[in-house]
PDB file of N, CA and C in Angstrom:
ATOM      1  N   MET A   1      -9.990 -10.108 -18.058  1.00  0.00           N
ATOM      2  CA  MET A   1     -11.054  -9.488 -17.303  1.00  0.00           C
ATOM      3  C   MET A   1     -10.590  -9.113 -15.908  1.00  0.00           C
ATOM      4  N   GLY A   2      -9.854 -10.006 -15.226  1.00  0.00           N
ATOM      5  CA  GLY A   2      -9.385  -9.751 -13.877  1.00  0.00           C
ATOM      6  C   GLY A   2      -8.412  -8.585 -13.824  1.00  0.00           C
ATOM      7  N   GLN A   3      -7.589  -8.448 -14.866  1.00  0.00           N
ATOM      8  CA  GLN A   3      -6.620  -7.350 -14.898  1.00  0.00           C
ATOM      9  C   GLN A   3      -7.322  -5.998 -14.976  1.00  0.00           C
ATOM     10  N   LYS A   4      -8.425  -5.946 -15.695  1.00  0.00           N
ATOM     11  CA  LYS A   4      -9.173  -4.698 -15.793  1.00  0.00           C
ATOM     12  C   LYS A   4      -9.725  -4.289 -14.434  1.00  0.00           C
ATOM     13  N   LYS A   5     -10.203  -5.252 -13.661  1.00  0.00           N
ATOM     14  CA  LYS A   5     -10.734  -4.959 -12.336  1.00  0.00           C
ATOM     15  C   LYS A   5      -9.634  -4.452 -11.417  1.00  0.00           C
ATOM     16  N   VAL A   6      -8.468  -5.085 -11.481  1.00  0.00           N
ATOM     17  CA  VAL A   6      -7.344  -4.654 -10.651  1.00  0.00           C
ATOM     18  C   VAL A   6      -6.905  -3.255 -11.056  1.00  0.00           C
ATOM     19  N   LEU A   7      -6.787  -3.012 -12.353  1.00  0.00           N
ATOM     20  CA  LEU A   7      -6.393  -1.688 -12.840  1.00  0.00           C
ATOM     21  C   LEU A   7      -7.415  -0.636 -12.420  1.00  0.00           C
ATOM     22  N   THR A   8      -8.687  -0.958 -12.516  1.00  0.00           N
ATOM     23  CA  THR A   8      -9.736  -0.032 -12.092  1.00  0.00           C
ATOM     24  C   THR A   8      -9.621   0.263 -10.604  1.00  0.00           C
ATOM     25  N   LEU A   9      -9.370  -0.768  -9.809  1.00  0.00           N
ATOM     26  CA  LEU A   9      -9.221  -0.581  -8.364  1.00  0.00           C
ATOM     27  C   LEU A   9      -8.003   0.287  -8.055  1.00  0.00           C
ATOM     28  N   VAL A  10      -6.893   0.031  -8.724  1.00  0.00           N
ATOM     29  CA  VAL A  10      -5.686   0.828  -8.510  1.00  0.00           C
ATOM     30  C   VAL A  10      -5.934   2.289  -8.883  1.00  0.00           C
ATOM     31  N   MET A  11      -6.583   2.519  -9.986  1.00  0.00           N
ATOM     32  CA  MET A  11      -6.882   3.898 -10.421  1.00  0.00           C
ATOM     33  C   MET A  11      -7.809   4.580  -9.417  1.00  0.00           C
ATOM     34  N   PHE A  12      -8.779   3.845  -8.887  1.00  0.00           N
ATOM     35  CA  PHE A  12      -9.686   4.410  -7.892  1.00  0.00           C
ATOM     36  C   PHE A  12      -8.918   4.804  -6.637  1.00  0.00           C
ATOM     37  N   VAL A  13      -8.040   3.925  -6.162  1.00  0.00           N
ATOM     38  CA  VAL A  13      -7.261   4.212  -4.957  1.00  0.00           C
ATOM     39  C   VAL A  13      -6.373   5.429  -5.182  1.00  0.00           C
ATOM     40  N   MET A  14      -5.746   5.518  -6.350  1.00  0.00           N
ATOM     41  CA  MET A  14      -4.893   6.675  -6.650  1.00  0.00           C
ATOM     42  C   MET A  14      -5.723   7.957  -6.697  1.00  0.00           C
ATOM     43  N   ALA A  15      -6.874   7.908  -7.332  1.00  0.00           N
ATOM     44  CA  ALA A  15      -7.732   9.092  -7.410  1.00  0.00           C
ATOM     45  C   ALA A  15      -8.225   9.487  -6.026  1.00  0.00           C
ATOM     46  N   TYR A  16      -8.569   8.497  -5.216  1.00  0.00           N
ATOM     47  CA  TYR A  16      -9.007   8.789  -3.852  1.00  0.00           C
ATOM     48  C   TYR A  16      -7.871   9.432  -3.059  1.00  0.00           C
ATOM     49  N   GLY A  17      -6.675   8.892  -3.226  1.00  0.00           N
ATOM     50  CA  GLY A  17      -5.518   9.455  -2.524  1.00  0.00           C
ATOM     51  C   GLY A  17      -5.279  10.895  -2.906  1.00  0.00           C
ATOM     52  N   LEU A  18      -5.395  11.205  -4.182  1.00  0.00           N
ATOM     53  CA  LEU A  18      -5.221  12.594  -4.619  1.00  0.00           C
ATOM     54  C   LEU A  18      -6.339  13.471  -4.076  1.00  0.00           C
ATOM     55  N   ALA A  19      -7.547  12.966  -4.093  1.00  0.00           N
ATOM     56  CA  ALA A  19      -8.668  13.758  -3.582  1.00  0.00           C
ATOM     57  C   ALA A  19      -8.537  13.977  -2.084  1.00  0.00           C
ATOM     58  N   ALA A  20      -8.023  12.993  -1.385  1.00  0.00           N
ATOM     59  CA  ALA A  20      -7.885  13.102   0.064  1.00  0.00           C
ATOM     60  C   ALA A  20      -6.813  14.110   0.461  1.00  0.00           C
ATOM     61  N   THR A  21      -5.887  14.383  -0.465  1.00  0.00           N
ATOM     62  CA  THR A  21      -4.799  15.301  -0.124  1.00  0.00           C
ATOM     63  C   THR A  21      -5.034  16.699  -0.674  1.00  0.00           C
ATOM     64  N   ARG A  22      -6.161  16.953  -1.256  1.00  0.00           N
ATOM     65  CA  ARG A  22      -6.459  18.287  -1.765  1.00  0.00           C
ATOM     66  C   ARG A  22      -6.920  19.170  -0.620  1.00  0.00           C
ATOM     67  N   PHE A  23      -6.503  20.373  -0.636  1.00  0.00           N
ATOM     68  CA  PHE A  23      -6.874  21.294   0.418  1.00  0.00           C
ATOM     69  C   PHE A  23      -6.936  22.677  -0.185  1.00  0.00           C
ATOM     70  N   SER A  24      -7.645  23.547   0.489  1.00  0.00           N
ATOM     71  CA  SER A  24      -7.763  24.904  -0.012  1.00  0.00           C
ATOM     72  C   SER A  24      -6.593  25.736   0.497  1.00  0.00           C
ATOM     73  N   ALA A  25      -6.354  26.834  -0.150  1.00  0.00           N
ATOM     74  CA  ALA A  25      -5.260  27.719   0.246  1.00  0.00           C
ATOM     75  C   ALA A  25      -5.428  28.196   1.681  1.00  0.00           C
ATOM     76  N   SER A  26      -6.661  28.323   2.133  1.00  0.00           N
ATOM     77  CA  SER A  26      -6.889  28.792   3.496  1.00  0.00           C
ATOM     78  C   SER A  26      -6.490  27.752   4.541  1.00  0.00           C
ATOM     79  N   GLN A  27      -6.380  26.474   4.141  1.00  0.00           N
ATOM     80  CA  GLN A  27      -6.001  25.420   5.073  1.00  0.00           C
ATOM     81  C   GLN A  27      -4.486  25.279   5.208  1.00  0.00           C
ATOM     82  N   ILE A  28      -3.739  25.868   4.297  1.00  0.00           N
ATOM     83  CA  ILE A  28      -2.287  25.748   4.334  1.00  0.00           C
ATOM     84  C   ILE A  28      -1.725  26.808   5.267  1.00  0.00           C
ATOM     85  N   PRO A  29      -1.036  26.380   6.309  1.00  0.00           N
ATOM     86  CA  PRO A  29      -0.453  27.367   7.218  1.00  0.00           C
ATOM     87  C   PRO A  29       0.591  28.209   6.497  1.00  0.00           C
ATOM     88  N   PRO A  30       0.767  29.463   6.904  1.00  0.00           N
ATOM     89  CA  PRO A  30       1.764  30.324   6.253  1.00  0.00           C
ATOM     90  C   PRO A  30       3.162  29.725   6.296  1.00  0.00           C
ATOM     91  N   THR A  31       3.462  28.933   7.311  1.00  0.00           N
ATOM     92  CA  THR A  31       4.786  28.330   7.399  1.00  0.00           C
ATOM     93  C   THR A  31       5.001  27.234   6.360  1.00  0.00           C
ATOM     94  N   CYS A  32       3.947  26.818   5.659  1.00  0.00           N
ATOM     95  CA  CYS A  32       4.078  25.793   4.617  1.00  0.00           C
ATOM     96  C   CYS A  32       4.434  26.401   3.266  1.00  0.00           C
ATOM     97  N   ASN A  33       4.644  27.689   3.234  1.00  0.00           N
ATOM     98  CA  ASN A  33       4.997  28.343   1.985  1.00  0.00           C
ATOM     99  C   ASN A  33       6.233  27.667   1.388  1.00  0.00           C
ATOM    100  N   GLY A  34       6.068  27.077   0.227  1.00  0.00           N
ATOM    101  CA  GLY A  34       7.143  26.369  -0.445  1.00  0.00           C
ATOM    102  C   GLY A  34       7.131  24.870  -0.188  1.00  0.00           C
ATOM    103  N   ASP A  35       6.316  24.413   0.734  1.00  0.00           N
ATOM    104  CA  ASP A  35       6.265  22.987   1.063  1.00  0.00           C
ATOM    105  C   ASP A  35       4.989  22.315   0.559  1.00  0.00           C
ATOM    106  N   GLU A  36       4.271  22.985  -0.317  1.00  0.00           N
ATOM    107  CA  GLU A  36       3.012  22.429  -0.836  1.00  0.00           C
ATOM    108  C   GLU A  36       3.247  21.096  -1.552  1.00  0.00           C
ATOM    109  N   ALA A  37       4.384  20.967  -2.250  1.00  0.00           N
ATOM    110  CA  ALA A  37       4.671  19.715  -2.962  1.00  0.00           C
ATOM    111  C   ALA A  37       4.820  18.561  -1.983  1.00  0.00           C
ATOM    112  N   LEU A  38       5.447  18.812  -0.851  1.00  0.00           N
ATOM    113  CA  LEU A  38       5.576  17.780   0.177  1.00  0.00           C
ATOM    114  C   LEU A  38       4.200  17.326   0.636  1.00  0.00           C
ATOM    115  N   LEU A  39       3.331  18.265   0.930  1.00  0.00           N
ATOM    116  CA  LEU A  39       1.982  17.920   1.400  1.00  0.00           C
ATOM    117  C   LEU A  39       1.200  17.170   0.335  1.00  0.00           C
ATOM    118  N   THR A  40       1.341  17.589  -0.909  1.00  0.00           N
ATOM    119  CA  THR A  40       0.575  16.985  -1.998  1.00  0.00           C
ATOM    120  C   THR A  40       1.121  15.612  -2.388  1.00  0.00           C
ATOM    121  N   PHE A  41       2.421  15.550  -2.688  1.00  0.00           N
ATOM    122  CA  PHE A  41       2.982  14.291  -3.189  1.00  0.00           C
ATOM    123  C   PHE A  41       3.125  13.224  -2.110  1.00  0.00           C
ATOM    124  N   CYS A  42       3.220  13.623  -0.863  1.00  0.00           N
ATOM    125  CA  CYS A  42       3.363  12.643   0.223  1.00  0.00           C
ATOM    126  C   CYS A  42       2.042  12.363   0.924  1.00  0.00           C
ATOM    127  N   GLY A  43       0.979  13.013   0.505  1.00  0.00           N
ATOM    128  CA  GLY A  43      -0.314  12.861   1.165  1.00  0.00           C
ATOM    129  C   GLY A  43      -0.811  11.438   1.229  1.00  0.00           C
ATOM    130  N   SER A  44      -0.659  10.683   0.150  1.00  0.00           N
ATOM    131  CA  SER A  44      -1.151   9.298   0.138  1.00  0.00           C
ATOM    132  C   SER A  44      -0.356   8.411   1.082  1.00  0.00           C
ATOM    133  N   TYR A  45       0.943   8.664   1.186  1.00  0.00           N
ATOM    134  CA  TYR A  45       1.768   7.897   2.130  1.00  0.00           C
ATOM    135  C   TYR A  45       1.484   8.339   3.559  1.00  0.00           C
ATOM    136  N   LEU A  46       1.510   9.640   3.794  1.00  0.00           N
ATOM    137  CA  LEU A  46       1.320  10.162   5.146  1.00  0.00           C
ATOM    138  C   LEU A  46      -0.092   9.910   5.672  1.00  0.00           C
ATOM    139  N   GLY A  47      -1.054   9.814   4.772  1.00  0.00           N
ATOM    140  CA  GLY A  47      -2.429   9.508   5.160  1.00  0.00           C
ATOM    141  C   GLY A  47      -2.693   8.016   5.263  1.00  0.00           C
ATOM    142  N   ASN A  48      -1.643   7.210   5.114  1.00  0.00           N
ATOM    143  CA  ASN A  48      -1.704   5.756   5.247  1.00  0.00           C
ATOM    144  C   ASN A  48      -2.531   5.096   4.148  1.00  0.00           C
ATOM    145  N   ILE A  49      -2.582   5.726   2.976  1.00  0.00           N
ATOM    146  CA  ILE A  49      -3.267   5.126   1.834  1.00  0.00           C
ATOM    147  C   ILE A  49      -2.304   4.226   1.071  1.00  0.00           C
ATOM    148  N   LEU A  50      -1.056   4.669   0.943  1.00  0.00           N
ATOM    149  CA  LEU A  50      -0.008   3.867   0.305  1.00  0.00           C
ATOM    150  C   LEU A  50       0.976   3.388   1.369  1.00  0.00           C
ATOM    151  N   PRO A  51       1.482   2.155   1.231  1.00  0.00           N
ATOM    152  CA  PRO A  51       2.403   1.641   2.245  1.00  0.00           C
ATOM    153  C   PRO A  51       3.807   2.253   2.184  1.00  0.00           C
ATOM    154  N   ASN A  52       4.182   2.757   1.018  1.00  0.00           N
ATOM    155  CA  ASN A  52       5.514   3.327   0.829  1.00  0.00           C
ATOM    156  C   ASN A  52       5.406   4.657   0.099  1.00  0.00           C
ATOM    157  N   PRO A  53       6.341   5.579   0.373  1.00  0.00           N
ATOM    158  CA  PRO A  53       6.309   6.864  -0.342  1.00  0.00           C
ATOM    159  C   PRO A  53       6.696   6.684  -1.809  1.00  0.00           C
ATOM    160  N   THR A  54       6.102   7.481  -2.662  1.00  0.00           N
ATOM    161  CA  THR A  54       6.435   7.450  -4.090  1.00  0.00           C
ATOM    162  C   THR A  54       7.745   8.207  -4.313  1.00  0.00           C
ATOM    163  N   SER A  55       8.296   8.083  -5.503  1.00  0.00           N
ATOM    164  CA  SER A  55       9.526   8.817  -5.812  1.00  0.00           C
ATOM    165  C   SER A  55       9.268  10.323  -5.797  1.00  0.00           C
ATOM    166  N   ASP A  56       8.096  10.751  -6.253  1.00  0.00           N
ATOM    167  CA  ASP A  56       7.759  12.181  -6.208  1.00  0.00           C
ATOM    168  C   ASP A  56       7.666  12.672  -4.769  1.00  0.00           C
ATOM    169  N   CYS A  57       7.131  11.838  -3.891  1.00  0.00           N
ATOM    170  CA  CYS A  57       7.057  12.180  -2.474  1.00  0.00           C
ATOM    171  C   CYS A  57       8.464  12.367  -1.927  1.00  0.00           C
ATOM    172  N   CYS A  58       9.335  11.413  -2.190  1.00  0.00           N
ATOM    173  CA  CYS A  58      10.697  11.485  -1.652  1.00  0.00           C
ATOM    174  C   CYS A  58      11.458  12.688  -2.218  1.00  0.00           C
ATOM    175  N   LYS A  59      11.239  12.993  -3.489  1.00  0.00           N
ATOM    176  CA  LYS A  59      11.894  14.171  -4.082  1.00  0.00           C
ATOM    177  C   LYS A  59      11.422  15.446  -3.396  1.00  0.00           C
ATOM    178  N   SER A  60      10.121  15.570  -3.208  1.00  0.00           N
ATOM    179  CA  SER A  60       9.601  16.797  -2.585  1.00  0.00           C
ATOM    180  C   SER A  60       9.960  16.849  -1.102  1.00  0.00           C
ATOM    181  N   ALA A  61       9.995  15.711  -0.429  1.00  0.00           N
ATOM    182  CA  ALA A  61      10.394  15.679   0.980  1.00  0.00           C
ATOM    183  C   ALA A  61      11.866  16.056   1.120  1.00  0.00           C
ATOM    184  N   THR A  62      12.707  15.519   0.257  1.00  0.00           N
ATOM    185  CA  THR A  62      14.134  15.859   0.277  1.00  0.00           C
ATOM    186  C   THR A  62      14.324  17.347   0.082  1.00  0.00           C
ATOM    187  N   SER A  63      13.608  17.897  -0.881  1.00  0.00           N
ATOM    188  CA  SER A  63      13.704  19.337  -1.156  1.00  0.00           C
ATOM    189  C   SER A  63      13.262  20.155   0.053  1.00  0.00           C
ATOM    190  N   ALA A  64      12.144  19.779   0.648  1.00  0.00           N
ATOM    191  CA  ALA A  64      11.618  20.528   1.801  1.00  0.00           C
ATOM    192  C   ALA A  64      12.560  20.437   2.999  1.00  0.00           C
ATOM    193  N   PHE A  65      13.048  19.242   3.298  1.00  0.00           N
ATOM    194  CA  PHE A  65      13.950  19.083   4.436  1.00  0.00           C
ATOM    195  C   PHE A  65      15.289  19.778   4.188  1.00  0.00           C
ATOM    196  N   ASP A  66      15.823  19.650   2.968  1.00  0.00           N
ATOM    197  CA  ASP A  66      17.090  20.329   2.647  1.00  0.00           C
ATOM    198  C   ASP A  66      16.960  21.838   2.780  1.00  0.00           C
ATOM    199  N   ARG A  67      15.843  22.371   2.276  1.00  0.00           N
ATOM    200  CA  ARG A  67      15.612  23.813   2.364  1.00  0.00           C
ATOM    201  C   ARG A  67      15.509  24.243   3.827  1.00  0.00           C
ATOM    202  N   ALA A  68      14.812  23.458   4.628  1.00  0.00           N
ATOM    203  CA  ALA A  68      14.655  23.788   6.046  1.00  0.00           C
ATOM    204  C   ALA A  68      15.999  23.751   6.764  1.00  0.00           C
ATOM    205  N   MET A  69      16.809  22.745   6.469  1.00  0.00           N
ATOM    206  CA  MET A  69      18.089  22.593   7.162  1.00  0.00           C
ATOM    207  C   MET A  69      19.142  23.593   6.671  1.00  0.00           C
ATOM    208  N   SER A  70      18.930  24.170   5.497  1.00  0.00           N
ATOM    209  CA  SER A  70      19.918  25.111   4.965  1.00  0.00           C
ATOM    210  C   SER A  70      19.819  26.495   5.605  1.00  0.00           C
ATOM    211  N   ASP A  71      18.742  26.750   6.328  1.00  0.00           N
ATOM    212  CA  ASP A  71      18.563  28.031   7.014  1.00  0.00           C
ATOM    213  C   ASP A  71      19.383  28.002   8.304  1.00  0.00           C
ATOM    214  N   SER A  72      20.463  28.762   8.330  1.00  0.00           N
ATOM    215  CA  SER A  72      21.388  28.727   9.474  1.00  0.00           C
ATOM    216  C   SER A  72      20.781  29.271  10.766  1.00  0.00           C
ATOM    217  N   THR A  73      19.671  29.974  10.664  1.00  0.00           N
ATOM    218  CA  THR A  73      19.034  30.515  11.867  1.00  0.00           C
ATOM    219  C   THR A  73      18.154  29.490  12.576  1.00  0.00           C
ATOM    220  N   GLY A  74      17.842  28.386  11.894  1.00  0.00           N
ATOM    221  CA  GLY A  74      16.946  27.385  12.450  1.00  0.00           C
ATOM    222  C   GLY A  74      15.489  27.662  12.166  1.00  0.00           C
ATOM    223  N   GLN A  75      15.199  28.828  11.580  1.00  0.00           N
ATOM    224  CA  GLN A  75      13.810  29.188  11.297  1.00  0.00           C
ATOM    225  C   GLN A  75      13.190  28.251  10.263  1.00  0.00           C
ATOM    226  N   GLY A  76      13.983  27.788   9.318  1.00  0.00           N
ATOM    227  CA  GLY A  76      13.463  26.875   8.295  1.00  0.00           C
ATOM    228  C   GLY A  76      12.942  25.584   8.906  1.00  0.00           C
ATOM    229  N   ILE A  77      13.678  25.058   9.878  1.00  0.00           N
ATOM    230  CA  ILE A  77      13.240  23.833  10.560  1.00  0.00           C
ATOM    231  C   ILE A  77      11.981  24.114  11.372  1.00  0.00           C
ATOM    232  N   ARG A  78      11.954  25.239  12.075  1.00  0.00           N
ATOM    233  CA  ARG A  78      10.758  25.592  12.861  1.00  0.00           C
ATOM    234  C   ARG A  78       9.544  25.734  11.933  1.00  0.00           C
ATOM    235  N   ASP A  79       9.743  26.386  10.789  1.00  0.00           N
ATOM    236  CA  ASP A  79       8.631  26.571   9.850  1.00  0.00           C
ATOM    237  C   ASP A  79       8.132  25.231   9.317  1.00  0.00           C
ATOM    238  N   LEU A  80       9.060  24.352   8.940  1.00  0.00           N
ATOM    239  CA  LEU A  80       8.645  23.048   8.423  1.00  0.00           C
ATOM    240  C   LEU A  80       7.925  22.248   9.506  1.00  0.00           C
ATOM    241  N   CYS A  81       8.436  22.279  10.727  1.00  0.00           N
ATOM    242  CA  CYS A  81       7.774  21.577  11.833  1.00  0.00           C
ATOM    243  C   CYS A  81       6.386  22.156  12.093  1.00  0.00           C
ATOM    244  N   ASP A  82       6.276  23.490  12.085  1.00  0.00           N
ATOM    245  CA  ASP A  82       4.966  24.129  12.257  1.00  0.00           C
ATOM    246  C   ASP A  82       4.017  23.692  11.147  1.00  0.00           C
ATOM    247  N   CYS A  83       4.528  23.659   9.938  1.00  0.00           N
ATOM    248  CA  CYS A  83       3.719  23.237   8.790  1.00  0.00           C
ATOM    249  C   CYS A  83       3.173  21.836   9.015  1.00  0.00           C
ATOM    250  N   LEU A  84       4.059  20.908   9.384  1.00  0.00           N
ATOM    251  CA  LEU A  84       3.632  19.519   9.577  1.00  0.00           C
ATOM    252  C   LEU A  84       2.684  19.368  10.751  1.00  0.00           C
ATOM    253  N   MET A  85       2.914  20.128  11.818  1.00  0.00           N
ATOM    254  CA  MET A  85       2.039  20.030  12.994  1.00  0.00           C
ATOM    255  C   MET A  85       0.646  20.591  12.727  1.00  0.00           C
ATOM    256  N   VAL A  86       0.560  21.632  11.911  1.00  0.00           N
ATOM    257  CA  VAL A  86      -0.740  22.242  11.629  1.00  0.00           C
ATOM    258  C   VAL A  86      -1.451  21.527  10.482  1.00  0.00           C
ATOM    259  N   ALA A  87      -0.735  21.259   9.400  1.00  0.00           N
ATOM    260  CA  ALA A  87      -1.367  20.651   8.223  1.00  0.00           C
ATOM    261  C   ALA A  87      -1.646  19.166   8.426  1.00  0.00           C
ATOM    262  N   GLY A  88      -0.808  18.489   9.211  1.00  0.00           N
ATOM    263  CA  GLY A  88      -0.972  17.048   9.398  1.00  0.00           C
ATOM    264  C   GLY A  88      -2.358  16.629   9.857  1.00  0.00           C
ATOM    265  N   PRO A  89      -2.874  17.201  10.940  1.00  0.00           N
ATOM    266  CA  PRO A  89      -4.220  16.807  11.375  1.00  0.00           C
ATOM    267  C   PRO A  89      -5.321  17.171  10.369  1.00  0.00           C
ATOM    268  N   VAL A  90      -5.170  18.299   9.703  1.00  0.00           N
ATOM    269  CA  VAL A  90      -6.172  18.718   8.712  1.00  0.00           C
ATOM    270  C   VAL A  90      -6.230  17.718   7.562  1.00  0.00           C
ATOM    271  N   LEU A  91      -5.054  17.200   7.177  1.00  0.00           N
ATOM    272  CA  LEU A  91      -4.975  16.274   6.045  1.00  0.00           C
ATOM    273  C   LEU A  91      -4.990  14.812   6.475  1.00  0.00           C
ATOM    274  N   ASN A  92      -5.263  14.563   7.745  1.00  0.00           N
ATOM    275  CA  ASN A  92      -5.345  13.198   8.294  1.00  0.00           C
ATOM    276  C   ASN A  92      -4.047  12.419   8.152  1.00  0.00           C
ATOM    277  N   PHE A  93      -2.913  13.098   8.310  1.00  0.00           N
ATOM    278  CA  PHE A  93      -1.632  12.417   8.268  1.00  0.00           C
ATOM    279  C   PHE A  93      -1.468  11.601   9.548  1.00  0.00           C
ATOM    280  N   GLN A  94      -0.884  10.435   9.415  1.00  0.00           N
ATOM    281  CA  GLN A  94      -0.611   9.566  10.549  1.00  0.00           C
ATOM    282  C   GLN A  94       0.751   9.928  11.147  1.00  0.00           C
ATOM    283  N   GLN A  95       0.806  10.085  12.457  1.00  0.00           N
ATOM    284  CA  GLN A  95       2.050  10.488  13.112  1.00  0.00           C
ATOM    285  C   GLN A  95       3.182   9.503  12.822  1.00  0.00           C
ATOM    286  N   THR A  96       2.886   8.226  12.832  1.00  0.00           N
ATOM    287  CA  THR A  96       3.938   7.233  12.579  1.00  0.00           C
ATOM    288  C   THR A  96       4.500   7.365  11.171  1.00  0.00           C
ATOM    289  N   LYS A  97       3.652   7.735  10.228  1.00  0.00           N
ATOM    290  CA  LYS A  97       4.120   7.927   8.850  1.00  0.00           C
ATOM    291  C   LYS A  97       4.979   9.179   8.753  1.00  0.00           C
ATOM    292  N   LEU A  98       4.585  10.250   9.455  1.00  0.00           N
ATOM    293  CA  LEU A  98       5.412  11.461   9.477  1.00  0.00           C
ATOM    294  C   LEU A  98       6.791  11.162  10.070  1.00  0.00           C
ATOM    295  N   GLU A  99       6.795  10.380  11.139  1.00  0.00           N
ATOM    296  CA  GLU A  99       8.051  10.034  11.794  1.00  0.00           C
ATOM    297  C   GLU A  99       8.939   9.173  10.903  1.00  0.00           C
ATOM    298  N   SER A 100       8.342   8.317  10.092  1.00  0.00           N
ATOM    299  CA  SER A 100       9.117   7.388   9.267  1.00  0.00           C
ATOM    300  C   SER A 100       9.503   7.956   7.902  1.00  0.00           C
ATOM    301  N   LEU A 101       8.936   9.090   7.517  1.00  0.00           N
ATOM    302  CA  LEU A 101       9.185   9.635   6.173  1.00  0.00           C
ATOM    303  C   LEU A 101      10.664   9.837   5.867  1.00  0.00           C
ATOM    304  N   PRO A 102      11.448  10.476   6.734  1.00  0.00           N
ATOM    305  CA  PRO A 102      12.868  10.656   6.380  1.00  0.00           C
ATOM    306  C   PRO A 102      13.586   9.331   6.132  1.00  0.00           C
ATOM    307  N   ASP A 103      13.383   8.351   6.998  1.00  0.00           N
ATOM    308  CA  ASP A 103      14.031   7.051   6.802  1.00  0.00           C
ATOM    309  C   ASP A 103      13.524   6.360   5.545  1.00  0.00           C
ATOM    310  N   ALA A 104      12.212   6.417   5.313  1.00  0.00           N
ATOM    311  CA  ALA A 104      11.628   5.764   4.144  1.00  0.00           C
ATOM    312  C   ALA A 104      12.169   6.345   2.842  1.00  0.00           C
ATOM    313  N   CYS A 105      12.562   7.628   2.884  1.00  0.00           N
ATOM    314  CA  CYS A 105      13.092   8.295   1.685  1.00  0.00           C
ATOM    315  C   CYS A 105      14.615   8.414   1.712  1.00  0.00           C
ATOM    316  N   GLY A 106      15.252   7.894   2.763  1.00  0.00           N
ATOM    317  CA  GLY A 106      16.706   7.964   2.852  1.00  0.00           C
ATOM    318  C   GLY A 106      17.236   9.365   3.081  1.00  0.00           C
ATOM    319  N   ILE A 107      16.488  10.164   3.831  1.00  0.00           N
ATOM    320  CA  ILE A 107      16.876  11.555   4.105  1.00  0.00           C
ATOM    321  C   ILE A 107      17.559  11.613   5.467  1.00  0.00           C
ATOM    322  N   LYS A 108      18.756  12.169   5.489  1.00  0.00           N
ATOM    323  CA  LYS A 108      19.491  12.351   6.748  1.00  0.00           C
ATOM    324  C   LYS A 108      19.157  13.735   7.292  1.00  0.00           C
ATOM    325  N   LEU A 109      18.617  13.778   8.492  1.00  0.00           N
ATOM    326  CA  LEU A 109      18.214  15.040   9.101  1.00  0.00           C
ATOM    327  C   LEU A 109      19.242  15.511  10.125  1.00  0.00           C
ATOM    328  N   SER A 110      19.347  16.818  10.256  1.00  0.00           N
ATOM    329  CA  SER A 110      20.216  17.399  11.270  1.00  0.00           C
ATOM    330  C   SER A 110      19.437  17.710  12.546  1.00  0.00           C
ATOM    331  N   PHE A 111      18.206  17.258  12.603  1.00  0.00           N
ATOM    332  CA  PHE A 111      17.328  17.484  13.763  1.00  0.00           C
ATOM    333  C   PHE A 111      16.450  16.250  13.923  1.00  0.00           C
ATOM    334  N   SER A 112      15.830  16.130  15.058  1.00  0.00           N
ATOM    335  CA  SER A 112      14.954  14.994  15.315  1.00  0.00           C
ATOM    336  C   SER A 112      13.568  15.271  14.768  1.00  0.00           C
ATOM    337  N   ILE A 113      13.092  14.399  13.894  1.00  0.00           N
ATOM    338  CA  ILE A 113      11.743  14.540  13.341  1.00  0.00           C
ATOM    339  C   ILE A 113      10.698  14.409  14.455  1.00  0.00           C
ATOM    340  N   PHE A 114      11.051  13.756  15.550  1.00  0.00           N
ATOM    341  CA  PHE A 114      10.106  13.574  16.654  1.00  0.00           C
ATOM    342  C   PHE A 114       9.764  14.909  17.311  1.00  0.00           C
ATOM    343  N   LEU A 115      10.652  15.902  17.185  1.00  0.00           N
ATOM    344  CA  LEU A 115      10.352  17.227  17.706  1.00  0.00           C
ATOM    345  C   LEU A 115       9.303  17.943  16.853  1.00  0.00           C
ATOM    346  N   CYS A 116       9.178  17.511  15.607  1.00  0.00           N
ATOM    347  CA  CYS A 116       8.214  18.133  14.692  1.00  0.00           C
ATOM    348  C   CYS A 116       6.818  17.558  14.852  1.00  0.00           C
ATOM    349  N   VAL A 117       6.734  16.324  15.194  1.00  0.00           N
ATOM    350  CA  VAL A 117       5.432  15.662  15.218  1.00  0.00           C
ATOM    351  C   VAL A 117       5.113  15.204  16.614  1.00  0.00           C
TER     352      VAL A 117
END
């Protein structure tokens, strides 16, 4: 009986986390083009619902950061930073979680995440 209650609670928290990270297309800044997976899969961690990022979060974060850093003009990093600065408050992301995401996922950045948030 107790396991069912725990499972129900876990499912509720997961569903709430997914609902909390849903947003309309009009809320996504144009600079987030291609980074929707980062916003979606990391929403529960960045919104302080989960204590640690999921593997899907880390995969999408790695992809987003790698793509941003691969742009030799620096525009990719500016776009990703703009995305996080605009979408973060709309999605109730916690600044400390944004700052800790690269370390939590083992991502080595060529720029300071503190400049983004």
